[in-house]
Protein backbone atom coordinates (compact mmCIF):
# COMPACT_ATOMS: atom_id res chain seq x y z
CA MET A 1 112.26 110.86 113.51
CA CYS A 2 108.54 111.04 113.24
CA ALA A 3 109.41 114.60 111.76
CA GLN A 4 111.25 113.19 108.85
CA VAL A 5 108.21 110.71 107.97
CA ASP A 6 105.69 113.45 108.56
CA SER A 7 108.03 116.08 105.93
CA GLY A 8 108.56 113.17 103.43
CA ASP A 9 112.19 112.54 104.43
CA ALA A 10 112.62 109.01 103.69
CA GLY A 11 116.69 109.14 103.57
CA GLY A 12 116.42 111.02 106.79
CA PHE A 13 114.16 108.53 108.46
CA ALA A 14 116.29 105.51 106.84
CA ARG A 15 119.46 106.98 108.65
CA TRP A 16 118.10 105.96 112.07
CA PHE A 17 118.56 102.47 111.15
CA ALA A 18 121.75 100.03 111.09
CA ALA A 19 122.84 98.98 107.55
CA ASP A 20 121.08 95.59 107.90
CA ALA A 21 118.27 96.55 110.06
CA THR A 22 114.89 94.51 109.71
CA TYR A 23 111.50 96.17 109.34
CA THR A 24 108.32 94.67 109.07
CA PHE A 25 104.89 96.90 108.63
CA ALA A 26 101.63 94.87 109.89
CA ASN A 27 101.23 91.87 107.70
CA GLY A 28 103.70 92.80 105.16
CA PRO A 29 107.24 90.86 104.32
CA THR A 30 110.18 91.88 106.72
CA LEU A 31 112.45 94.26 104.78
CA VAL A 32 116.12 94.09 105.33
CA GLY A 33 118.55 96.72 104.85
CA ARG A 34 118.44 100.59 104.99
CA ASP A 35 117.87 100.85 101.31
CA ALA A 36 114.73 98.90 101.40
CA ILE A 37 113.52 100.69 104.68
CA GLU A 38 114.07 103.98 102.32
CA ALA A 39 112.22 102.63 99.54
CA ALA A 40 109.12 101.37 101.29
CA THR A 41 109.01 104.41 103.57
CA ALA A 42 109.17 106.71 100.26
CA GLY A 43 106.65 104.63 98.81
CA ALA A 44 103.99 105.04 101.64
CA ALA A 45 104.56 108.53 101.73
CA ALA A 46 103.53 108.99 98.26
CA ALA A 47 100.43 106.80 98.75
CA LEU A 48 99.09 109.04 101.28
CA PRO A 49 98.16 113.08 100.92
CA TRP A 50 100.13 114.03 104.21
CA VAL A 51 100.74 112.28 107.62
CA ARG A 52 101.24 113.55 111.07
CA HIS A 53 102.49 111.48 113.86
CA SER A 54 101.11 112.20 117.41
CA ILE A 55 103.30 110.66 120.17
CA ASP A 56 100.90 109.23 122.74
CA GLN A 57 103.34 107.46 124.80
CA VAL A 58 106.88 105.51 124.86
CA ALA A 59 108.29 102.92 127.24
CA GLU A 60 111.84 101.85 127.43
CA LEU A 61 112.51 98.34 128.22
CA GLY A 62 116.25 97.53 127.94
CA ASP A 63 117.21 97.73 124.32
CA GLN A 64 113.81 98.08 123.13
CA LEU A 65 111.08 101.31 122.76
CA PHE A 66 107.35 100.41 122.92
CA CYS A 67 106.10 103.45 120.96
CA ARG A 68 102.03 104.40 120.89
CA PHE A 69 101.08 106.88 118.14
CA THR A 70 98.24 108.16 116.42
CA ILE A 71 98.82 108.55 112.95
CA HIS A 72 96.68 111.39 111.42
CA THR A 73 95.91 111.98 107.55
CA GLU A 74 93.14 111.54 104.98
CA THR A 75 90.90 109.21 103.62
CA PRO A 76 90.52 108.96 99.95
CA THR A 77 87.33 111.00 100.17
CA GLY A 78 89.15 113.42 101.89
CA ALA A 79 87.71 113.04 105.42
CA ALA A 80 90.17 113.46 108.54
CA LEU A 81 91.43 110.14 109.88
CA ALA A 82 93.42 109.22 113.04
CA MET A 83 94.85 105.68 113.28
CA PRO A 84 96.24 103.94 116.41
CA CYS A 85 99.72 102.70 115.95
CA VAL A 86 102.08 100.81 118.02
CA THR A 87 105.56 100.38 117.26
CA VAL A 88 108.37 98.07 118.99
CA ILE A 89 112.16 99.38 118.10
CA GLU A 90 114.92 97.44 119.08
CA LEU A 91 118.20 99.44 119.36
CA HIS A 92 121.93 98.41 119.14
CA ASP A 93 123.84 101.15 120.44
CA THR A 94 122.30 104.21 118.40
CA LYS A 95 120.69 102.44 115.63
CA ILE A 96 117.68 100.77 114.90
CA ILE A 97 118.28 96.89 114.65
CA ASP A 98 114.33 95.85 114.18
CA TYR A 99 111.40 98.02 113.66
CA ARG A 100 107.81 96.64 113.91
CA VAL A 101 104.93 98.68 113.07
CA HIS A 102 101.16 97.18 114.35
CA MET A 103 98.37 99.34 112.78
CA ASP A 104 95.68 98.61 109.99
CA ILE A 105 96.43 101.28 107.17
CA THR A 106 93.62 100.02 104.81
CA PRO A 107 91.31 103.17 106.16
CA ALA A 108 93.76 105.57 104.50
CA MET A 109 94.13 103.53 101.03
CA PRO A 110 91.81 103.80 97.81
């Protein structure tokens, strides 16, 4: 899933989600549906010069995954940037039904 985001494959990332899944990034509005998630992922990927996820920790509790990442990219001036990120993912069978990203992306934005 992270490799798909890192390669800019928003559609591949979105296929991990149920058709009516919800997705909340930081303080942003909650998106509903795979199409909205794909569009937002494509937009975020286009806004950054590149992105690489380093998975630091994954913990499973029932039908939820708690994931701690470091997101690597560059600042608008080209300096290396590593941003901490935590996601909480709720699953139903093999599909994501709720995805919440807790991070501050502003250091990477112009």
